[in-house]
PDB file of N, CA and C in Angstrom:
ATOM      1  N   MET A   1      94.470  91.558 109.142  1.00  0.00           N
ATOM      2  CA  MET A   1      95.912  91.443 109.137  1.00  0.00           C
ATOM      3  C   MET A   1      96.372  91.310 107.604  1.00  0.00           C
ATOM      4  N   ALA A   2      97.262  92.105 107.247  1.00  0.00           N
ATOM      5  CA  ALA A   2      97.758  92.029 105.871  1.00  0.00           C
ATOM      6  C   ALA A   2      99.266  92.281 105.848  1.00  0.00           C
ATOM      7  N   GLU A   3      99.836  91.607 104.865  1.00  0.00           N
ATOM      8  CA  GLU A   3     101.249  91.709 104.543  1.00  0.00           C
ATOM      9  C   GLU A   3     101.377  92.578 103.343  1.00  0.00           C
ATOM     10  N   SER A   4     102.145  93.649 103.302  1.00  0.00           N
ATOM     11  CA  SER A   4     102.297  94.441 102.141  1.00  0.00           C
ATOM     12  C   SER A   4     103.775  94.661 101.714  1.00  0.00           C
ATOM     13  N   HIS A   5     103.917  94.876 100.463  1.00  0.00           N
ATOM     14  CA  HIS A   5     105.137  94.913  99.793  1.00  0.00           C
ATOM     15  C   HIS A   5     105.124  96.103  98.787  1.00  0.00           C
ATOM     16  N   PRO A   6     106.201  96.872  98.509  1.00  0.00           N
ATOM     17  CA  PRO A   6     106.137  97.964  97.565  1.00  0.00           C
ATOM     18  C   PRO A   6     105.835  97.456  96.101  1.00  0.00           C
ATOM     19  N   MET A   7     105.088  98.241  95.407  1.00  0.00           N
ATOM     20  CA  MET A   7     104.772  97.872  94.002  1.00  0.00           C
ATOM     21  C   MET A   7     105.458  98.988  93.149  1.00  0.00           C
ATOM     22  N   GLU A   8     106.038  98.489  91.947  1.00  0.00           N
ATOM     23  CA  GLU A   8     106.671  99.387  91.082  1.00  0.00           C
ATOM     24  C   GLU A   8     105.732 100.350  90.413  1.00  0.00           C
ATOM     25  N   GLY A   9     105.991 101.610  90.464  1.00  0.00           N
ATOM     26  CA  GLY A   9     105.255 102.613  89.763  1.00  0.00           C
ATOM     27  C   GLY A   9     103.990 103.140  90.364  1.00  0.00           C
ATOM     28  N   GLN A  10     103.595 102.642  91.586  1.00  0.00           N
ATOM     29  CA  GLN A  10     102.436 103.161  92.220  1.00  0.00           C
ATOM     30  C   GLN A  10     102.815 103.693  93.570  1.00  0.00           C
ATOM     31  N   THR A  11     102.270 104.838  93.958  1.00  0.00           N
ATOM     32  CA  THR A  11     102.473 105.384  95.311  1.00  0.00           C
ATOM     33  C   THR A  11     101.158 105.853  95.911  1.00  0.00           C
ATOM     34  N   ASN A  12     101.100 105.976  97.224  1.00  0.00           N
ATOM     35  CA  ASN A  12      99.945 106.555  97.890  1.00  0.00           C
ATOM     36  C   ASN A  12     100.324 108.111  98.057  1.00  0.00           C
ATOM     37  N   LYS A  13      99.505 108.747  99.001  1.00  0.00           N
ATOM     38  CA  LYS A  13      99.624 110.306  99.184  1.00  0.00           C
ATOM     39  C   LYS A  13     101.008 110.583  99.661  1.00  0.00           C
ATOM     40  N   LYS A  14     101.627 109.709 100.426  1.00  0.00           N
ATOM     41  CA  LYS A  14     103.000 110.067 101.110  1.00  0.00           C
ATOM     42  C   LYS A  14     104.109 109.576 100.151  1.00  0.00           C
ATOM     43  N   GLY A  15     103.742 109.051  98.924  1.00  0.00           N
ATOM     44  CA  GLY A  15     104.879 108.626  97.995  1.00  0.00           C
ATOM     45  C   GLY A  15     105.345 107.215  98.256  1.00  0.00           C
ATOM     46  N   LYS A  16     104.730 106.483  99.155  1.00  0.00           N
ATOM     47  CA  LYS A  16     105.052 105.154  99.449  1.00  0.00           C
ATOM     48  C   LYS A  16     104.383 104.224  98.337  1.00  0.00           C
ATOM     49  N   LYS A  17     104.958 102.972  98.222  1.00  0.00           N
ATOM     50  CA  LYS A  17     104.559 102.096  97.175  1.00  0.00           C
ATOM     51  C   LYS A  17     103.950 100.875  97.907  1.00  0.00           C
ATOM     52  N   PRO A  18     102.547 100.982  98.112  1.00  0.00           N
ATOM     53  CA  PRO A  18     101.818  99.712  98.901  1.00  0.00           C
ATOM     54  C   PRO A  18     101.411  98.661  98.000  1.00  0.00           C
ATOM     55  N   GLN A  19     101.512  97.492  98.413  1.00  0.00           N
ATOM     56  CA  GLN A  19     100.964  96.251  97.783  1.00  0.00           C
ATOM     57  C   GLN A  19     100.588  95.202  98.900  1.00  0.00           C
ATOM     58  N   VAL A  20      99.327  94.723  98.812  1.00  0.00           N
ATOM     59  CA  VAL A  20      99.052  93.699  99.799  1.00  0.00           C
ATOM     60  C   VAL A  20      99.459  92.422  99.326  1.00  0.00           C
ATOM     61  N   GLY A  21     100.436  91.613 100.122  1.00  0.00           N
ATOM     62  CA  GLY A  21     100.791  90.345  99.660  1.00  0.00           C
ATOM     63  C   GLY A  21      99.917  89.262 100.214  1.00  0.00           C
ATOM     64  N   HIS A  22      99.605  89.220 101.457  1.00  0.00           N
ATOM     65  CA  HIS A  22      98.818  88.221 102.087  1.00  0.00           C
ATOM     66  C   HIS A  22      97.758  88.886 103.086  1.00  0.00           C
ATOM     67  N   LEU A  23      96.559  88.417 103.034  1.00  0.00           N
ATOM     68  CA  LEU A  23      95.518  88.945 103.924  1.00  0.00           C
ATOM     69  C   LEU A  23      94.905  87.772 104.759  1.00  0.00           C
ATOM     70  N   LYS A  24      94.727  87.998 106.077  1.00  0.00           N
ATOM     71  CA  LYS A  24      94.227  86.933 106.852  1.00  0.00           C
ATOM     72  C   LYS A  24      93.170  87.598 107.795  1.00  0.00           C
ATOM     73  N   MET A  25      91.951  87.209 107.812  1.00  0.00           N
ATOM     74  CA  MET A  25      91.016  87.789 108.678  1.00  0.00           C
ATOM     75  C   MET A  25      90.533  86.819 109.817  1.00  0.00           C
ATOM     76  N   VAL A  26      90.347  87.416 110.998  1.00  0.00           N
ATOM     77  CA  VAL A  26      90.065  86.600 112.154  1.00  0.00           C
ATOM     78  C   VAL A  26      88.844  87.229 112.950  1.00  0.00           C
ATOM     79  N   VAL A  27      87.884  86.494 113.192  1.00  0.00           N
ATOM     80  CA  VAL A  27      86.744  86.965 113.970  1.00  0.00           C
ATOM     81  C   VAL A  27      87.002  87.154 115.337  1.00  0.00           C
ATOM     82  N   ILE A  28      86.833  88.354 115.955  1.00  0.00           N
ATOM     83  CA  ILE A  28      86.939  88.554 117.434  1.00  0.00           C
ATOM     84  C   ILE A  28      85.588  89.172 117.921  1.00  0.00           C
ATOM     85  N   HIS A  29      85.366  88.879 119.201  1.00  0.00           N
ATOM     86  CA  HIS A  29      84.086  89.137 119.793  1.00  0.00           C
ATOM     87  C   HIS A  29      84.067  90.559 120.495  1.00  0.00           C
ATOM     88  N   ASP A  30      85.195  91.198 120.651  1.00  0.00           N
ATOM     89  CA  ASP A  30      85.198  92.550 121.149  1.00  0.00           C
ATOM     90  C   ASP A  30      86.463  93.192 120.760  1.00  0.00           C
ATOM     91  N   LEU A  31      86.603  94.428 121.046  1.00  0.00           N
ATOM     92  CA  LEU A  31      87.753  95.280 120.615  1.00  0.00           C
ATOM     93  C   LEU A  31      88.606  95.626 121.776  1.00  0.00           C
ATOM     94  N   LYS A  32      88.654  94.799 122.742  1.00  0.00           N
ATOM     95  CA  LYS A  32      89.424  94.999 123.942  1.00  0.00           C
ATOM     96  C   LYS A  32      90.895  94.769 123.668  1.00  0.00           C
ATOM     97  N   SER A  33      91.802  95.495 124.357  1.00  0.00           N
ATOM     98  CA  SER A  33      93.239  95.391 124.163  1.00  0.00           C
ATOM     99  C   SER A  33      93.724  93.979 124.425  1.00  0.00           C
ATOM    100  N   ASP A  34      93.224  93.301 125.465  1.00  0.00           N
ATOM    101  CA  ASP A  34      93.666  91.943 125.653  1.00  0.00           C
ATOM    102  C   ASP A  34      93.290  90.952 124.509  1.00  0.00           C
ATOM    103  N   THR A  35      92.127  91.137 123.982  1.00  0.00           N
ATOM    104  CA  THR A  35      91.627  90.284 122.888  1.00  0.00           C
ATOM    105  C   THR A  35      92.526  90.541 121.649  1.00  0.00           C
ATOM    106  N   ILE A  36      92.842  91.811 121.240  1.00  0.00           N
ATOM    107  CA  ILE A  36      93.601  92.101 120.073  1.00  0.00           C
ATOM    108  C   ILE A  36      94.968  91.612 120.296  1.00  0.00           C
ATOM    109  N   THR A  37      95.575  91.954 121.452  1.00  0.00           N
ATOM    110  CA  THR A  37      96.965  91.542 121.755  1.00  0.00           C
ATOM    111  C   THR A  37      97.157  90.012 121.625  1.00  0.00           C
ATOM    112  N   SER A  38      96.116  89.242 122.213  1.00  0.00           N
ATOM    113  CA  SER A  38      96.199  87.776 122.093  1.00  0.00           C
ATOM    114  C   SER A  38      96.167  87.263 120.637  1.00  0.00           C
ATOM    115  N   MET A  39      95.333  87.906 119.727  1.00  0.00           N
ATOM    116  CA  MET A  39      95.211  87.495 118.357  1.00  0.00           C
ATOM    117  C   MET A  39      96.553  87.839 117.584  1.00  0.00           C
ATOM    118  N   VAL A  40      97.153  88.878 117.923  1.00  0.00           N
ATOM    119  CA  VAL A  40      98.324  89.273 117.289  1.00  0.00           C
ATOM    120  C   VAL A  40      99.556  88.421 117.689  1.00  0.00           C
ATOM    121  N   GLU A  41      99.589  88.082 118.951  1.00  0.00           N
ATOM    122  CA  GLU A  41     100.603  87.125 119.436  1.00  0.00           C
ATOM    123  C   GLU A  41     100.528  85.773 118.737  1.00  0.00           C
ATOM    124  N   LYS A  42      99.269  85.264 118.497  1.00  0.00           N
ATOM    125  CA  LYS A  42      99.048  84.004 117.751  1.00  0.00           C
ATOM    126  C   LYS A  42      99.323  84.008 116.356  1.00  0.00           C
ATOM    127  N   ASN A  43      99.069  85.229 115.704  1.00  0.00           N
ATOM    128  CA  ASN A  43      99.003  85.212 114.227  1.00  0.00           C
ATOM    129  C   ASN A  43     100.063  86.111 113.521  1.00  0.00           C
ATOM    130  N   ILE A  44     100.866  86.832 114.244  1.00  0.00           N
ATOM    131  CA  ILE A  44     101.745  87.759 113.673  1.00  0.00           C
ATOM    132  C   ILE A  44     103.236  87.468 114.066  1.00  0.00           C
ATOM    133  N   SER A  45     104.162  87.476 113.277  1.00  0.00           N
ATOM    134  CA  SER A  45     105.571  87.304 113.578  1.00  0.00           C
ATOM    135  C   SER A  45     106.113  88.353 114.498  1.00  0.00           C
ATOM    136  N   LYS A  46     106.935  88.040 115.435  1.00  0.00           N
ATOM    137  CA  LYS A  46     107.546  89.006 116.339  1.00  0.00           C
ATOM    138  C   LYS A  46     108.466  90.009 115.626  1.00  0.00           C
ATOM    139  N   GLU A  47     108.769  89.694 114.353  1.00  0.00           N
ATOM    140  CA  GLU A  47     109.722  90.602 113.624  1.00  0.00           C
ATOM    141  C   GLU A  47     108.786  91.550 112.751  1.00  0.00           C
ATOM    142  N   SER A  48     107.394  91.557 112.847  1.00  0.00           N
ATOM    143  CA  SER A  48     106.659  92.356 112.008  1.00  0.00           C
ATOM    144  C   SER A  48     106.528  93.866 112.484  1.00  0.00           C
ATOM    145  N   ILE A  49     106.227  94.758 111.545  1.00  0.00           N
ATOM    146  CA  ILE A  49     105.916  96.190 111.803  1.00  0.00           C
ATOM    147  C   ILE A  49     104.520  96.336 111.575  1.00  0.00           C
ATOM    148  N   ILE A  50     103.786  96.920 112.490  1.00  0.00           N
ATOM    149  CA  ILE A  50     102.311  97.074 112.327  1.00  0.00           C
ATOM    150  C   ILE A  50     102.019  98.560 112.234  1.00  0.00           C
ATOM    151  N   ASP A  51     101.337  98.935 111.209  1.00  0.00           N
ATOM    152  CA  ASP A  51     100.691 100.329 110.996  1.00  0.00           C
ATOM    153  C   ASP A  51      99.217 100.239 111.370  1.00  0.00           C
ATOM    154  N   SER A  52      98.784 101.053 112.225  1.00  0.00           N
ATOM    155  CA  SER A  52      97.325 101.003 112.695  1.00  0.00           C
ATOM    156  C   SER A  52      96.944 102.467 113.038  1.00  0.00           C
ATOM    157  N   ASP A  53      95.615 102.647 113.246  1.00  0.00           N
ATOM    158  CA  ASP A  53      95.150 103.878 113.751  1.00  0.00           C
ATOM    159  C   ASP A  53      95.533 104.055 115.217  1.00  0.00           C
ATOM    160  N   LEU A  54      95.111 105.115 115.836  1.00  0.00           N
ATOM    161  CA  LEU A  54      95.423 105.415 117.209  1.00  0.00           C
ATOM    162  C   LEU A  54      94.576 104.852 118.305  1.00  0.00           C
ATOM    163  N   SER A  55      93.828 103.763 118.047  1.00  0.00           N
ATOM    164  CA  SER A  55      93.076 103.157 118.991  1.00  0.00           C
ATOM    165  C   SER A  55      93.814 102.654 120.264  1.00  0.00           C
ATOM    166  N   THR A  56      93.192 102.873 121.425  1.00  0.00           N
ATOM    167  CA  THR A  56      93.771 102.410 122.654  1.00  0.00           C
ATOM    168  C   THR A  56      93.851 100.972 122.865  1.00  0.00           C
ATOM    169  N   SER A  57      93.112 100.263 121.981  1.00  0.00           N
ATOM    170  CA  SER A  57      93.011  98.798 122.027  1.00  0.00           C
ATOM    171  C   SER A  57      94.398  98.253 121.533  1.00  0.00           C
ATOM    172  N   TYR A  58      95.279  98.990 120.928  1.00  0.00           N
ATOM    173  CA  TYR A  58      96.480  98.574 120.463  1.00  0.00           C
ATOM    174  C   TYR A  58      97.742  98.917 121.332  1.00  0.00           C
ATOM    175  N   ILE A  59      97.405  99.382 122.493  1.00  0.00           N
ATOM    176  CA  ILE A  59      98.504  99.964 123.371  1.00  0.00           C
ATOM    177  C   ILE A  59      99.619  98.962 123.636  1.00  0.00           C
ATOM    178  N   HIS A  60      99.402  97.592 123.702  1.00  0.00           N
ATOM    179  CA  HIS A  60     100.416  96.634 123.983  1.00  0.00           C
ATOM    180  C   HIS A  60     101.051  96.109 122.795  1.00  0.00           C
ATOM    181  N   LEU A  61     100.759  96.403 121.559  1.00  0.00           N
ATOM    182  CA  LEU A  61     101.315  95.852 120.384  1.00  0.00           C
ATOM    183  C   LEU A  61     102.838  96.190 120.350  1.00  0.00           C
ATOM    184  N   LYS A  62     103.213  97.304 120.727  1.00  0.00           N
ATOM    185  CA  LYS A  62     104.697  97.624 120.813  1.00  0.00           C
ATOM    186  C   LYS A  62     105.503  96.617 121.614  1.00  0.00           C
ATOM    187  N   ASP A  63     104.862  96.023 122.553  1.00  0.00           N
ATOM    188  CA  ASP A  63     105.627  94.982 123.275  1.00  0.00           C
ATOM    189  C   ASP A  63     105.803  93.667 122.710  1.00  0.00           C
ATOM    190  N   ILE A  64     105.019  93.292 121.624  1.00  0.00           N
ATOM    191  CA  ILE A  64     105.038  91.976 121.027  1.00  0.00           C
ATOM    192  C   ILE A  64     105.448  91.834 119.711  1.00  0.00           C
ATOM    193  N   VAL A  65     105.693  92.989 118.968  1.00  0.00           N
ATOM    194  CA  VAL A  65     106.184  92.947 117.592  1.00  0.00           C
ATOM    195  C   VAL A  65     107.458  93.964 117.508  1.00  0.00           C
ATOM    196  N   LYS A  66     108.159  93.849 116.439  1.00  0.00           N
ATOM    197  CA  LYS A  66     109.306  94.703 116.221  1.00  0.00           C
ATOM    198  C   LYS A  66     108.975  96.118 116.362  1.00  0.00           C
ATOM    199  N   GLU A  67     107.831  96.571 115.788  1.00  0.00           N
ATOM    200  CA  GLU A  67     107.567  98.058 115.714  1.00  0.00           C
ATOM    201  C   GLU A  67     106.081  98.181 115.489  1.00  0.00           C
ATOM    202  N   HIS A  68     105.506  99.088 116.288  1.00  0.00           N
ATOM    203  CA  HIS A  68     104.054  99.478 116.073  1.00  0.00           C
ATOM    204  C   HIS A  68     103.949 100.977 115.918  1.00  0.00           C
ATOM    205  N   ARG A  69     103.355 101.295 114.658  1.00  0.00           N
ATOM    206  CA  ARG A  69     103.279 102.713 114.211  1.00  0.00           C
ATOM    207  C   ARG A  69     101.837 103.163 114.285  1.00  0.00           C
ATOM    208  N   GLY A  70     101.400 103.848 115.262  1.00  0.00           N
ATOM    209  CA  GLY A  70     100.044 104.278 115.196  1.00  0.00           C
ATOM    210  C   GLY A  70      99.962 105.699 114.602  1.00  0.00           C
ATOM    211  N   CYS A  71      98.945 105.960 113.829  1.00  0.00           N
ATOM    212  CA  CYS A  71      98.867 107.165 113.158  1.00  0.00           C
ATOM    213  C   CYS A  71      97.385 107.505 112.913  1.00  0.00           C
ATOM    214  N   ASN A  72      96.997 108.741 112.525  1.00  0.00           N
ATOM    215  CA  ASN A  72      95.690 109.079 112.146  1.00  0.00           C
ATOM    216  C   ASN A  72      95.182 108.205 110.997  1.00  0.00           C
ATOM    217  N   SER A  73      93.906 107.717 111.056  1.00  0.00           N
ATOM    218  CA  SER A  73      93.395 106.754 110.003  1.00  0.00           C
ATOM    219  C   SER A  73      93.492 107.364 108.683  1.00  0.00           C
ATOM    220  N   PHE A  74      93.279 108.688 108.481  1.00  0.00           N
ATOM    221  CA  PHE A  74      93.382 109.295 107.166  1.00  0.00           C
ATOM    222  C   PHE A  74      94.875 109.257 106.608  1.00  0.00           C
ATOM    223  N   ASP A  75      95.815 109.255 107.487  1.00  0.00           N
ATOM    224  CA  ASP A  75      97.113 109.229 106.928  1.00  0.00           C
ATOM    225  C   ASP A  75      97.576 107.874 106.390  1.00  0.00           C
ATOM    226  N   LEU A  76      96.839 106.845 106.775  1.00  0.00           N
ATOM    227  CA  LEU A  76      97.006 105.456 106.109  1.00  0.00           C
ATOM    228  C   LEU A  76      96.575 105.343 104.692  1.00  0.00           C
ATOM    229  N   ILE A  77      95.717 106.235 104.230  1.00  0.00           N
ATOM    230  CA  ILE A  77      95.155 106.158 102.811  1.00  0.00           C
ATOM    231  C   ILE A  77      96.176 106.643 101.833  1.00  0.00           C
TER     232      ILE A  77
END
């Protein structure tokens, strides 16, 4: 889980300005949707926007945060 903010003068392939502000790592024992949803509910603000890959494990994230944007993993770089 990471919080990011725009950085002046730097952009990625899409012209966006990424910067990681805070990073939190949590150990989980599986990649099931229920496990991931539970961790997000406990650790992420309901006003958050989540960018992720298209894993089916993230199917319920749209119900617990402001916005969930799934995209091809290569588009996130």
